[in-house]
Amino acid sequence: MIEFLRRNRVLATAALFLALAAGLVLGAGAERLRNDRLGRLFLEALAPFQRAGSAASRAVGGAWEELVGLIQARDEVVSLREELQVAGRNTVRLEEVELENQRLRTLLDFREGLAGDLLAARVIGHDATGLARTLTLDRGDADGVQKGAAVLAPDGIVGHVFLVSPHAARVLLIVDHNSGVDAIVQRTRARGIVEGTVDGRCGLKFVKRTEDLQVGDLVVTSGLDGVFPRSLPVGTIVAVDKKGQGLFQYATVQPTVDFDHLEEVLVTLGPVAPLMAPDVTGGPGIDHTPMPGTAPELVPATPVPPAAGMPAVQ
């Protein structure tokens, strides 16, 4: 036996080590199944990192969902803001249409109280220099407007046309110092001439000192100047001056028309008179109702550009 081991000592040694290795392996495997301390330590060491990773994953997922929600909310806010702006513009446009309809109804009611040919026109410009009190209409001689035609508004007389082109006309307002209107005081029938003043008002001059003028009296057209129909409002007396030594007294008149906010007017195309005009001399009223079928038609005006883009008269 000893001789056999001596001759095969290499193989015997190798077999011995293999047997020991197998035994250690089997022993170690059985021990790992019962109590793997290294695995427990490794698991304990990695557990916090796994919990942190899981929490980070949940946090990132939640943040992403919130980000997506914020982006969607921002898009919705932008869309709602655009819809609100559109609705606001539509509201403004509807309000403008409603206001325009009200003005046109008022103008039509005023037109129905007059007999004669009249043309509706829009104000498209005011004098920008301040040297003259004029305005520009969108109607010209192509529409039948002639120089000298009276321009009227529901609140009273406006002025008369002094310059005409094919598609526009310029109007000299009654508050211009070059304007003169034959007028009477409605209450006393005192007659005088209304002229423009530098402060945007009018003055009633050439009224006899013996006439009774009082603050608040309404001044109306006499119809004797051949331009304006009779009995249309001109203004209200706000001051009376009798301090002079002359034969006449003077009264300051506030026009009934607001020229700064005037947008639509009527232009006479021929003789015009109120349908039931009271006699300025104190006599009975005169019915100027036209014959059936001869009543003039109100001509609709073309749309007027926005005030911001309204061309100024130079």
C-alpha atoms as a PDB file:
ATOM      1  CA  MET A   1       0.000   0.000   0.000  1.00  0.00           C
ATOM      2  CA  ILE A   2       2.732   2.317   0.906  1.00  0.00           C
ATOM      3  CA  GLU A   3       4.607   1.356  -2.207  1.00  0.00           C
ATOM      4  CA  PHE A   4       1.482   1.989  -4.272  1.00  0.00           C
ATOM      5  CA  LEU A   5       1.015   5.441  -2.789  1.00  0.00           C
ATOM      6  CA  ARG A   6       4.670   6.190  -3.330  1.00  0.00           C
ATOM      7  CA  ARG A   7       4.452   5.346  -6.977  1.00  0.00           C
ATOM      8  CA  ASN A   8       1.182   7.205  -7.441  1.00  0.00           C
ATOM      9  CA  ARG A   9       1.748   9.950  -4.984  1.00  0.00           C
ATOM     10  CA  VAL A  10       0.829  12.627  -7.493  1.00  0.00           C
ATOM     11  CA  LEU A  11      -2.494  11.128  -8.333  1.00  0.00           C
ATOM     12  CA  ALA A  12      -3.183  10.381  -4.749  1.00  0.00           C
ATOM     13  CA  THR A  13      -2.431  13.946  -3.724  1.00  0.00           C
ATOM     14  CA  ALA A  14      -4.638  15.317  -6.455  1.00  0.00           C
ATOM     15  CA  ALA A  15      -7.464  13.017  -5.485  1.00  0.00           C
ATOM     16  CA  LEU A  16      -7.126  14.069  -1.866  1.00  0.00           C
ATOM     17  CA  PHE A  17      -7.362  17.761  -2.713  1.00  0.00           C
ATOM     18  CA  LEU A  18     -10.299  17.167  -4.976  1.00  0.00           C
ATOM     19  CA  ALA A  19     -12.085  15.341  -2.238  1.00  0.00           C
ATOM     20  CA  LEU A  20     -11.389  18.156   0.235  1.00  0.00           C
ATOM     21  CA  ALA A  21     -12.572  20.738  -2.270  1.00  0.00           C
ATOM     22  CA  ALA A  22     -15.757  18.842  -2.909  1.00  0.00           C
ATOM     23  CA  GLY A  23     -16.327  18.554   0.807  1.00  0.00           C
ATOM     24  CA  LEU A  24     -15.803  22.263   1.348  1.00  0.00           C
ATOM     25  CA  VAL A  25     -18.103  23.088  -1.495  1.00  0.00           C
ATOM     26  CA  LEU A  26     -20.823  20.873  -0.204  1.00  0.00           C
ATOM     27  CA  GLY A  27     -20.331  22.202   3.299  1.00  0.00           C
ATOM     28  CA  ALA A  28     -20.370  25.785   2.191  1.00  0.00           C
ATOM     29  CA  GLY A  29     -23.550  25.231   0.156  1.00  0.00           C
ATOM     30  CA  ALA A  30     -25.343  23.697   3.055  1.00  0.00           C
ATOM     31  CA  GLU A  31     -24.172  26.513   5.328  1.00  0.00           C
ATOM     32  CA  ARG A  32     -25.349  29.239   2.820  1.00  0.00           C
ATOM     33  CA  LEU A  33     -28.781  27.721   2.710  1.00  0.00           C
ATOM     34  CA  ARG A  34     -29.046  27.831   6.463  1.00  0.00           C
ATOM     35  CA  ASN A  35     -27.532  31.282   7.224  1.00  0.00           C
ATOM     36  CA  ASP A  36     -26.024  33.497   4.452  1.00  0.00           C
ATOM     37  CA  ARG A  37     -24.464  36.265   6.481  1.00  0.00           C
ATOM     38  CA  LEU A  38     -22.784  37.829   3.472  1.00  0.00           C
ATOM     39  CA  GLY A  39     -26.061  37.918   1.579  1.00  0.00           C
ATOM     40  CA  ARG A  40     -27.853  39.395   4.573  1.00  0.00           C
ATOM     41  CA  LEU A  41     -25.254  42.118   4.878  1.00  0.00           C
ATOM     42  CA  PHE A  42     -25.407  42.831   1.157  1.00  0.00           C
ATOM     43  CA  LEU A  43     -29.208  42.908   1.224  1.00  0.00           C
ATOM     44  CA  GLU A  44     -29.226  45.220   4.218  1.00  0.00           C
ATOM     45  CA  ALA A  45     -26.706  47.483   2.575  1.00  0.00           C
ATOM     46  CA  LEU A  46     -28.644  47.690  -0.679  1.00  0.00           C
ATOM     47  CA  ALA A  47     -32.132  48.076   0.819  1.00  0.00           C
ATOM     48  CA  PRO A  48     -31.858  51.850   1.502  1.00  0.00           C
ATOM     49  CA  PHE A  49     -30.648  52.445  -2.010  1.00  0.00           C
ATOM     50  CA  GLN A  50     -33.526  50.437  -3.400  1.00  0.00           C
ATOM     51  CA  ARG A  51     -36.023  52.334  -1.247  1.00  0.00           C
ATOM     52  CA  ALA A  52     -34.455  55.626  -2.350  1.00  0.00           C
ATOM     53  CA  GLY A  53     -34.538  54.545  -5.959  1.00  0.00           C
ATOM     54  CA  SER A  54     -38.147  53.508  -5.705  1.00  0.00           C
ATOM     55  CA  ALA A  55     -39.081  56.793  -4.022  1.00  0.00           C
ATOM     56  CA  ALA A  56     -37.132  58.742  -6.619  1.00  0.00           C
ATOM     57  CA  SER A  57     -38.891  56.857  -9.369  1.00  0.00           C
ATOM     58  CA  ARG A  58     -42.277  57.627  -7.875  1.00  0.00           C
ATOM     59  CA  ALA A  59     -41.270  61.294  -7.417  1.00  0.00           C
ATOM     60  CA  VAL A  60     -40.041  61.585 -10.975  1.00  0.00           C
ATOM     61  CA  GLY A  61     -43.210  59.961 -12.236  1.00  0.00           C
ATOM     62  CA  GLY A  62     -45.385  62.327 -10.218  1.00  0.00           C
ATOM     63  CA  ALA A  63     -43.369  65.350 -11.286  1.00  0.00           C
ATOM     64  CA  TRP A  64     -43.691  64.332 -14.906  1.00  0.00           C
ATOM     65  CA  GLU A  65     -47.431  63.956 -14.582  1.00  0.00           C
ATOM     66  CA  GLU A  66     -47.616  67.374 -12.926  1.00  0.00           C
ATOM     67  CA  LEU A  67     -45.478  68.875 -15.667  1.00  0.00           C
ATOM     68  CA  VAL A  68     -47.720  67.403 -18.323  1.00  0.00           C
ATOM     69  CA  GLY A  69     -50.743  68.745 -16.426  1.00  0.00           C
ATOM     70  CA  LEU A  70     -49.174  72.215 -16.198  1.00  0.00           C
ATOM     71  CA  ILE A  71     -48.430  72.236 -19.905  1.00  0.00           C
ATOM     72  CA  GLN A  72     -52.001  71.209 -20.684  1.00  0.00           C
ATOM     73  CA  ALA A  73     -53.321  73.816 -18.242  1.00  0.00           C
ATOM     74  CA  ARG A  74     -51.130  76.476 -19.852  1.00  0.00           C
ATOM     75  CA  ASP A  75     -52.418  75.561 -23.294  1.00  0.00           C
ATOM     76  CA  GLU A  76     -55.984  75.704 -21.991  1.00  0.00           C
ATOM     77  CA  VAL A  77     -55.335  79.120 -20.423  1.00  0.00           C
ATOM     78  CA  VAL A  78     -53.910  80.415 -23.693  1.00  0.00           C
ATOM     79  CA  SER A  79     -56.881  79.030 -25.597  1.00  0.00           C
ATOM     80  CA  LEU A  80     -59.378  80.462 -23.113  1.00  0.00           C
ATOM     81  CA  ARG A  81     -57.609  83.810 -23.191  1.00  0.00           C
ATOM     82  CA  GLU A  82     -57.848  83.913 -26.967  1.00  0.00           C
ATOM     83  CA  GLU A  83     -61.531  82.973 -26.791  1.00  0.00           C
ATOM     84  CA  LEU A  84     -62.057  85.701 -24.191  1.00  0.00           C
ATOM     85  CA  GLN A  85     -60.356  88.253 -26.433  1.00  0.00           C
ATOM     86  CA  VAL A  86     -62.493  87.196 -29.374  1.00  0.00           C
ATOM     87  CA  ALA A  87     -65.603  87.403 -27.209  1.00  0.00           C
ATOM     88  CA  GLY A  88     -64.524  90.853 -26.008  1.00  0.00           C
ATOM     89  CA  ARG A  89     -64.035  92.061 -29.572  1.00  0.00           C
ATOM     90  CA  ASN A  90     -67.394  90.655 -30.561  1.00  0.00           C
ATOM     91  CA  THR A  91     -69.007  92.365 -27.594  1.00  0.00           C
ATOM     92  CA  VAL A  92     -67.467  95.692 -28.548  1.00  0.00           C
ATOM     93  CA  ARG A  93     -68.552  95.211 -32.151  1.00  0.00           C
ATOM     94  CA  LEU A  94     -72.099  94.359 -31.100  1.00  0.00           C
ATOM     95  CA  GLU A  95     -72.219  97.370 -28.800  1.00  0.00           C
ATOM     96  CA  GLU A  96     -71.052  99.572 -31.666  1.00  0.00           C
ATOM     97  CA  VAL A  97     -73.715  98.106 -33.932  1.00  0.00           C
ATOM     98  CA  GLU A  98     -76.362  98.655 -31.264  1.00  0.00           C
ATOM     99  CA  LEU A  99     -75.291 102.253 -30.732  1.00  0.00           C
ATOM    100  CA  GLU A 100     -75.235 102.849 -34.474  1.00  0.00           C
ATOM    101  CA  ASN A 101     -78.724 101.389 -34.806  1.00  0.00           C
ATOM    102  CA  GLN A 102     -79.966 103.700 -32.066  1.00  0.00           C
ATOM    103  CA  ARG A 103     -78.455 106.722 -33.800  1.00  0.00           C
ATOM    104  CA  LEU A 104     -79.894 105.678 -37.158  1.00  0.00           C
ATOM    105  CA  ARG A 105     -83.341 105.139 -35.624  1.00  0.00           C
ATOM    106  CA  THR A 106     -83.154 108.614 -34.109  1.00  0.00           C
ATOM    107  CA  LEU A 107     -82.049 110.029 -37.459  1.00  0.00           C
ATOM    108  CA  LEU A 108     -84.872 108.199 -39.227  1.00  0.00           C
ATOM    109  CA  ASP A 109     -87.437 109.532 -36.739  1.00  0.00           C
ATOM    110  CA  PHE A 110     -86.091 113.021 -37.335  1.00  0.00           C
ATOM    111  CA  ARG A 111     -86.218 112.457 -41.102  1.00  0.00           C
ATOM    112  CA  GLU A 112     -89.865 111.419 -40.953  1.00  0.00           C
ATOM    113  CA  GLY A 113     -90.712 114.819 -39.489  1.00  0.00           C
ATOM    114  CA  LEU A 114     -89.416 116.665 -42.556  1.00  0.00           C
ATOM    115  CA  ALA A 115     -90.835 117.047 -46.036  1.00  0.00           C
ATOM    116  CA  GLY A 116     -88.379 117.255 -48.922  1.00  0.00           C
ATOM    117  CA  ASP A 117     -85.370 115.504 -50.364  1.00  0.00           C
ATOM    118  CA  LEU A 118     -82.715 114.637 -47.809  1.00  0.00           C
ATOM    119  CA  LEU A 119     -79.652 112.427 -47.905  1.00  0.00           C
ATOM    120  CA  ALA A 120     -78.084 110.602 -45.001  1.00  0.00           C
ATOM    121  CA  ALA A 121     -74.337 111.060 -44.693  1.00  0.00           C
ATOM    122  CA  ARG A 122     -71.586 110.076 -42.307  1.00  0.00           C
ATOM    123  CA  VAL A 123     -69.037 112.361 -40.756  1.00  0.00           C
ATOM    124  CA  ILE A 124     -65.599 111.166 -41.856  1.00  0.00           C
ATOM    125  CA  GLY A 125     -63.397 114.003 -40.649  1.00  0.00           C
ATOM    126  CA  HIS A 126     -63.069 117.159 -38.589  1.00  0.00           C
ATOM    127  CA  ASP A 127     -60.873 120.148 -39.161  1.00  0.00           C
ATOM    128  CA  ALA A 128     -57.461 119.363 -37.678  1.00  0.00           C
ATOM    129  CA  THR A 129     -55.971 122.839 -37.883  1.00  0.00           C
ATOM    130  CA  GLY A 130     -58.330 124.548 -35.460  1.00  0.00           C
ATOM    131  CA  LEU A 131     -58.464 127.581 -37.741  1.00  0.00           C
ATOM    132  CA  ALA A 132     -61.967 126.789 -38.957  1.00  0.00           C
ATOM    133  CA  ARG A 133     -64.817 124.784 -37.492  1.00  0.00           C
ATOM    134  CA  THR A 134     -65.679 122.381 -40.272  1.00  0.00           C
ATOM    135  CA  LEU A 135     -66.315 118.716 -40.815  1.00  0.00           C
ATOM    136  CA  THR A 136     -66.207 116.401 -43.820  1.00  0.00           C
ATOM    137  CA  LEU A 137     -69.015 114.157 -45.064  1.00  0.00           C
ATOM    138  CA  ASP A 138     -68.750 110.988 -47.155  1.00  0.00           C
ATOM    139  CA  ARG A 139     -71.236 112.322 -49.721  1.00  0.00           C
ATOM    140  CA  GLY A 140     -70.502 114.600 -52.666  1.00  0.00           C
ATOM    141  CA  ASP A 141     -72.033 115.985 -55.811  1.00  0.00           C
ATOM    142  CA  ALA A 142     -72.139 112.447 -57.249  1.00  0.00           C
ATOM    143  CA  ASP A 143     -74.867 111.850 -54.646  1.00  0.00           C
ATOM    144  CA  GLY A 144     -76.639 115.123 -55.390  1.00  0.00           C
ATOM    145  CA  VAL A 145     -75.061 117.267 -52.667  1.00  0.00           C
ATOM    146  CA  GLN A 146     -74.725 120.891 -53.713  1.00  0.00           C
ATOM    147  CA  LYS A 147     -72.884 123.858 -52.321  1.00  0.00           C
ATOM    148  CA  GLY A 148     -75.065 125.756 -49.866  1.00  0.00           C
ATOM    149  CA  ALA A 149     -77.065 122.699 -48.769  1.00  0.00           C
ATOM    150  CA  ALA A 150     -78.156 122.637 -45.149  1.00  0.00           C
ATOM    151  CA  VAL A 151     -76.802 119.922 -42.862  1.00  0.00           C
ATOM    152  CA  LEU A 152     -79.136 118.805 -40.097  1.00  0.00           C
ATOM    153  CA  ALA A 153     -79.064 116.505 -37.083  1.00  0.00           C
ATOM    154  CA  PRO A 154     -81.821 115.303 -34.771  1.00  0.00           C
ATOM    155  CA  ASP A 155     -80.669 117.781 -32.106  1.00  0.00           C
ATOM    156  CA  GLY A 156     -80.675 120.783 -34.439  1.00  0.00           C
ATOM    157  CA  ILE A 157     -78.927 122.419 -37.326  1.00  0.00           C
ATOM    158  CA  VAL A 158     -75.268 121.651 -37.990  1.00  0.00           C
ATOM    159  CA  GLY A 159     -74.127 124.002 -40.746  1.00  0.00           C
ATOM    160  CA  HIS A 160     -74.087 124.316 -44.499  1.00  0.00           C
ATOM    161  CA  VAL A 161     -71.996 122.796 -47.293  1.00  0.00           C
ATOM    162  CA  PHE A 162     -69.388 125.204 -48.663  1.00  0.00           C
ATOM    163  CA  LEU A 163     -67.180 122.836 -50.694  1.00  0.00           C
ATOM    164  CA  VAL A 164     -68.169 119.750 -52.690  1.00  0.00           C
ATOM    165  CA  SER A 165     -66.192 117.076 -54.503  1.00  0.00           C
ATOM    166  CA  PRO A 166     -67.610 114.025 -56.309  1.00  0.00           C
ATOM    167  CA  HIS A 167     -67.625 111.877 -53.181  1.00  0.00           C
ATOM    168  CA  ALA A 168     -67.146 114.237 -50.229  1.00  0.00           C
ATOM    169  CA  ALA A 169     -68.355 117.546 -48.916  1.00  0.00           C
ATOM    170  CA  ARG A 170     -67.084 120.019 -46.345  1.00  0.00           C
ATOM    171  CA  VAL A 171     -69.483 121.665 -43.946  1.00  0.00           C
ATOM    172  CA  LEU A 172     -69.073 125.029 -42.231  1.00  0.00           C
ATOM    173  CA  LEU A 173     -70.467 124.609 -38.736  1.00  0.00           C
ATOM    174  CA  ILE A 174     -72.726 127.240 -37.195  1.00  0.00           C
ATOM    175  CA  VAL A 175     -70.122 127.757 -34.454  1.00  0.00           C
ATOM    176  CA  ASP A 176     -67.597 129.044 -36.994  1.00  0.00           C
ATOM    177  CA  HIS A 177     -67.161 132.822 -36.903  1.00  0.00           C
ATOM    178  CA  ASN A 178     -67.891 133.000 -40.648  1.00  0.00           C
ATOM    179  CA  SER A 179     -71.296 131.387 -40.225  1.00  0.00           C
ATOM    180  CA  GLY A 180     -74.578 133.294 -39.902  1.00  0.00           C
ATOM    181  CA  VAL A 181     -78.074 131.894 -39.387  1.00  0.00           C
ATOM    182  CA  ASP A 182     -81.318 133.841 -39.391  1.00  0.00           C
ATOM    183  CA  ALA A 183     -83.045 132.794 -36.178  1.00  0.00           C
ATOM    184  CA  ILE A 184     -85.775 133.708 -33.736  1.00  0.00           C
ATOM    185  CA  VAL A 185     -86.316 133.204 -30.039  1.00  0.00           C
ATOM    186  CA  GLN A 186     -89.058 130.615 -29.774  1.00  0.00           C
ATOM    187  CA  ARG A 187     -90.775 132.147 -26.739  1.00  0.00           C
ATOM    188  CA  THR A 188     -90.887 135.801 -27.819  1.00  0.00           C
ATOM    189  CA  ARG A 189     -90.389 135.439 -31.600  1.00  0.00           C
ATOM    190  CA  ALA A 190     -87.599 138.023 -31.349  1.00  0.00           C
ATOM    191  CA  ARG A 191     -85.483 137.835 -34.470  1.00  0.00           C
ATOM    192  CA  GLY A 192     -81.707 138.029 -34.794  1.00  0.00           C
ATOM    193  CA  ILE A 193     -78.652 136.533 -36.431  1.00  0.00           C
ATOM    194  CA  VAL A 194     -76.774 133.619 -34.901  1.00  0.00           C
ATOM    195  CA  GLU A 195     -73.043 133.661 -35.543  1.00  0.00           C
ATOM    196  CA  GLY A 196     -70.164 131.527 -34.312  1.00  0.00           C
ATOM    197  CA  THR A 197     -67.779 132.661 -31.588  1.00  0.00           C
ATOM    198  CA  VAL A 198     -64.193 131.810 -30.759  1.00  0.00           C
ATOM    199  CA  ASP A 199     -65.137 129.695 -27.733  1.00  0.00           C
ATOM    200  CA  GLY A 200     -67.149 127.154 -29.719  1.00  0.00           C
ATOM    201  CA  ARG A 201     -70.490 128.708 -28.942  1.00  0.00           C
ATOM    202  CA  CYS A 202     -72.781 131.047 -30.836  1.00  0.00           C
ATOM    203  CA  GLY A 203     -73.961 134.574 -30.328  1.00  0.00           C
ATOM    204  CA  LEU A 204     -77.379 136.030 -31.116  1.00  0.00           C
ATOM    205  CA  LYS A 205     -76.963 139.568 -32.300  1.00  0.00           C
ATOM    206  CA  PHE A 206     -79.037 142.308 -33.902  1.00  0.00           C
ATOM    207  CA  VAL A 207     -81.898 141.718 -31.466  1.00  0.00           C
ATOM    208  CA  LYS A 208     -83.726 144.895 -30.500  1.00  0.00           C
ATOM    209  CA  ARG A 209     -83.155 146.060 -26.937  1.00  0.00           C
ATOM    210  CA  THR A 210     -86.887 146.167 -26.424  1.00  0.00           C
ATOM    211  CA  GLU A 211     -87.181 142.421 -26.991  1.00  0.00           C
ATOM    212  CA  ASP A 212     -87.444 140.132 -23.989  1.00  0.00           C
ATOM    213  CA  LEU A 213     -84.531 137.682 -23.890  1.00  0.00           C
ATOM    214  CA  GLN A 214     -84.010 135.375 -20.948  1.00  0.00           C
ATOM    215  CA  VAL A 215     -81.527 132.694 -20.072  1.00  0.00           C
ATOM    216  CA  GLY A 216     -82.953 129.315 -21.085  1.00  0.00           C
ATOM    217  CA  ASP A 217     -84.865 130.594 -24.114  1.00  0.00           C
ATOM    218  CA  LEU A 218     -84.649 128.281 -27.105  1.00  0.00           C
ATOM    219  CA  VAL A 219     -83.416 129.787 -30.358  1.00  0.00           C
ATOM    220  CA  VAL A 220     -84.767 128.212 -33.552  1.00  0.00           C
ATOM    221  CA  THR A 221     -84.306 128.836 -37.232  1.00  0.00           C
ATOM    222  CA  SER A 222     -86.614 131.352 -38.887  1.00  0.00           C
ATOM    223  CA  GLY A 223     -86.387 129.802 -42.350  1.00  0.00           C
ATOM    224  CA  LEU A 224     -85.863 133.258 -43.847  1.00  0.00           C
ATOM    225  CA  ASP A 225     -82.242 132.799 -44.888  1.00  0.00           C
ATOM    226  CA  GLY A 226     -83.131 130.322 -47.635  1.00  0.00           C
ATOM    227  CA  VAL A 227     -80.723 127.707 -46.277  1.00  0.00           C
ATOM    228  CA  PHE A 228     -82.179 126.111 -43.159  1.00  0.00           C
ATOM    229  CA  PRO A 229     -85.754 124.896 -42.736  1.00  0.00           C
ATOM    230  CA  ARG A 230     -87.779 126.842 -40.230  1.00  0.00           C
ATOM    231  CA  SER A 231     -88.369 125.936 -36.575  1.00  0.00           C
ATOM    232  CA  LEU A 232     -85.307 123.721 -36.144  1.00  0.00           C
ATOM    233  CA  PRO A 233     -83.357 124.093 -32.871  1.00  0.00           C
ATOM    234  CA  VAL A 234     -80.216 126.191 -32.966  1.00  0.00           C
ATOM    235  CA  GLY A 235     -79.300 126.556 -29.298  1.00  0.00           C
ATOM    236  CA  THR A 236     -80.242 127.808 -25.870  1.00  0.00           C
ATOM    237  CA  ILE A 237     -79.521 131.264 -24.499  1.00  0.00           C
ATOM    238  CA  VAL A 238     -77.043 131.033 -21.623  1.00  0.00           C
ATOM    239  CA  ALA A 239     -76.297 134.751 -21.140  1.00  0.00           C
ATOM    240  CA  VAL A 240     -77.849 138.095 -22.143  1.00  0.00           C
ATOM    241  CA  ASP A 241     -75.862 141.302 -22.530  1.00  0.00           C
ATOM    242  CA  LYS A 242     -77.765 144.623 -22.476  1.00  0.00           C
ATOM    243  CA  LYS A 243     -74.933 146.771 -21.172  1.00  0.00           C
ATOM    244  CA  GLY A 244     -74.182 148.359 -24.510  1.00  0.00           C
ATOM    245  CA  GLN A 245     -75.553 151.717 -25.608  1.00  0.00           C
ATOM    246  CA  GLY A 246     -76.613 150.587 -29.070  1.00  0.00           C
ATOM    247  CA  LEU A 247     -80.001 149.691 -30.399  1.00  0.00           C
ATOM    248  CA  PHE A 248     -79.438 145.967 -30.036  1.00  0.00           C
ATOM    249  CA  GLN A 249     -78.738 143.484 -27.299  1.00  0.00           C
ATOM    250  CA  TYR A 250     -76.572 140.392 -27.478  1.00  0.00           C
ATOM    251  CA  ALA A 251     -77.125 136.873 -26.186  1.00  0.00           C
ATOM    252  CA  THR A 252     -74.733 133.963 -25.861  1.00  0.00           C
ATOM    253  CA  VAL A 253     -76.182 130.763 -27.263  1.00  0.00           C
ATOM    254  CA  GLN A 254     -75.128 127.205 -26.450  1.00  0.00           C
ATOM    255  CA  PRO A 255     -75.719 125.036 -29.574  1.00  0.00           C
ATOM    256  CA  THR A 256     -78.026 122.070 -29.148  1.00  0.00           C
ATOM    257  CA  VAL A 257     -75.802 119.891 -31.338  1.00  0.00           C
ATOM    258  CA  ASP A 258     -72.694 118.250 -29.892  1.00  0.00           C
ATOM    259  CA  PHE A 259     -70.402 118.718 -32.871  1.00  0.00           C
ATOM    260  CA  ASP A 260     -67.541 116.715 -31.342  1.00  0.00           C
ATOM    261  CA  HIS A 261     -69.656 113.545 -31.185  1.00  0.00           C
ATOM    262  CA  LEU A 262     -71.556 113.948 -34.422  1.00  0.00           C
ATOM    263  CA  GLU A 263     -71.428 110.830 -36.637  1.00  0.00           C
ATOM    264  CA  GLU A 264     -74.470 110.853 -38.947  1.00  0.00           C
ATOM    265  CA  VAL A 265     -76.324 113.801 -40.440  1.00  0.00           C
ATOM    266  CA  LEU A 266     -78.929 114.667 -43.056  1.00  0.00           C
ATOM    267  CA  VAL A 267     -78.128 116.867 -46.045  1.00  0.00           C
ATOM    268  CA  THR A 268     -80.872 118.732 -47.860  1.00  0.00           C
ATOM    269  CA  LEU A 269     -81.096 118.130 -51.609  1.00  0.00           C
ATOM    270  CA  GLY A 270     -83.765 120.789 -52.139  1.00  0.00           C
ATOM    271  CA  PRO A 271     -86.419 122.740 -50.270  1.00  0.00           C
ATOM    272  CA  VAL A 272     -87.185 121.100 -46.932  1.00  0.00           C
ATOM    273  CA  ALA A 273     -89.763 122.018 -44.310  1.00  0.00           C
ATOM    274  CA  PRO A 274     -91.115 120.439 -41.132  1.00  0.00           C
ATOM    275  CA  LEU A 275     -94.313 118.508 -41.718  1.00  0.00           C
ATOM    276  CA  MET A 276     -96.192 120.434 -38.995  1.00  0.00           C
ATOM    277  CA  ALA A 277     -94.161 123.592 -38.605  1.00  0.00           C
ATOM    278  CA  PRO A 278     -95.525 126.219 -36.269  1.00  0.00           C
ATOM    279  CA  ASP A 279     -95.713 129.690 -37.799  1.00  0.00           C
ATOM    280  CA  VAL A 280     -92.779 131.773 -36.612  1.00  0.00           C
ATOM    281  CA  THR A 281     -94.940 134.866 -36.714  1.00  0.00           C
ATOM    282  CA  GLY A 282     -97.338 133.421 -34.167  1.00  0.00           C
ATOM    283  CA  GLY A 283     -99.956 132.273 -36.682  1.00  0.00           C
ATOM    284  CA  PRO A 284    -101.401 128.771 -37.048  1.00  0.00           C
ATOM    285  CA  GLY A 285     -99.145 125.939 -38.047  1.00  0.00           C
ATOM    286  CA  ILE A 286     -98.712 124.943 -41.684  1.00  0.00           C
ATOM    287  CA  ASP A 287     -99.004 121.314 -42.769  1.00  0.00           C
ATOM    288  CA  HIS A 288     -96.199 120.534 -45.210  1.00  0.00           C
ATOM    289  CA  THR A 289     -97.138 116.878 -45.562  1.00  0.00           C
ATOM    290  CA  PRO A 290     -96.126 115.746 -49.073  1.00  0.00           C
ATOM    291  CA  MET A 291     -98.516 114.075 -51.427  1.00  0.00           C
ATOM    292  CA  PRO A 292     -98.778 110.283 -51.095  1.00  0.00           C
ATOM    293  CA  GLY A 293     -95.990 108.525 -52.955  1.00  0.00           C
ATOM    294  CA  THR A 294     -93.779 111.596 -53.057  1.00  0.00           C
ATOM    295  CA  ALA A 295     -92.158 111.254 -49.643  1.00  0.00           C
ATOM    296  CA  PRO A 296     -88.391 111.147 -50.013  1.00  0.00           C
ATOM    297  CA  GLU A 297     -86.558 108.020 -49.034  1.00  0.00           C
ATOM    298  CA  LEU A 298     -83.749 107.939 -46.522  1.00  0.00           C
ATOM    299  CA  VAL A 299     -80.608 106.900 -48.361  1.00  0.00           C
ATOM    300  CA  PRO A 300     -78.430 104.549 -46.259  1.00  0.00           C
ATOM    301  CA  ALA A 301     -74.873 105.656 -45.801  1.00  0.00           C
ATOM    302  CA  THR A 302     -71.772 103.566 -46.417  1.00  0.00           C
ATOM    303  CA  PRO A 303     -69.821 102.248 -43.397  1.00  0.00           C
ATOM    304  CA  VAL A 304     -67.640 104.807 -41.728  1.00  0.00           C
ATOM    305  CA  PRO A 305     -64.001 103.897 -40.870  1.00  0.00           C
ATOM    306  CA  PRO A 306     -62.978 103.691 -37.165  1.00  0.00           C
ATOM    307  CA  ALA A 307     -62.417 106.972 -35.373  1.00  0.00           C
ATOM    308  CA  ALA A 308     -58.758 106.104 -34.862  1.00  0.00           C
ATOM    309  CA  GLY A 309     -58.214 105.865 -38.611  1.00  0.00           C
ATOM    310  CA  MET A 310     -60.458 108.748 -39.555  1.00  0.00           C
ATOM    311  CA  PRO A 311     -58.584 111.046 -41.918  1.00  0.00           C
ATOM    312  CA  ALA A 312     -58.159 114.563 -40.638  1.00  0.00           C
ATOM    313  CA  VAL A 313     -59.089 117.453 -42.853  1.00  0.00           C
ATOM    314  CA  GLN A 314     -56.080 119.547 -43.734  1.00  0.00           C
END
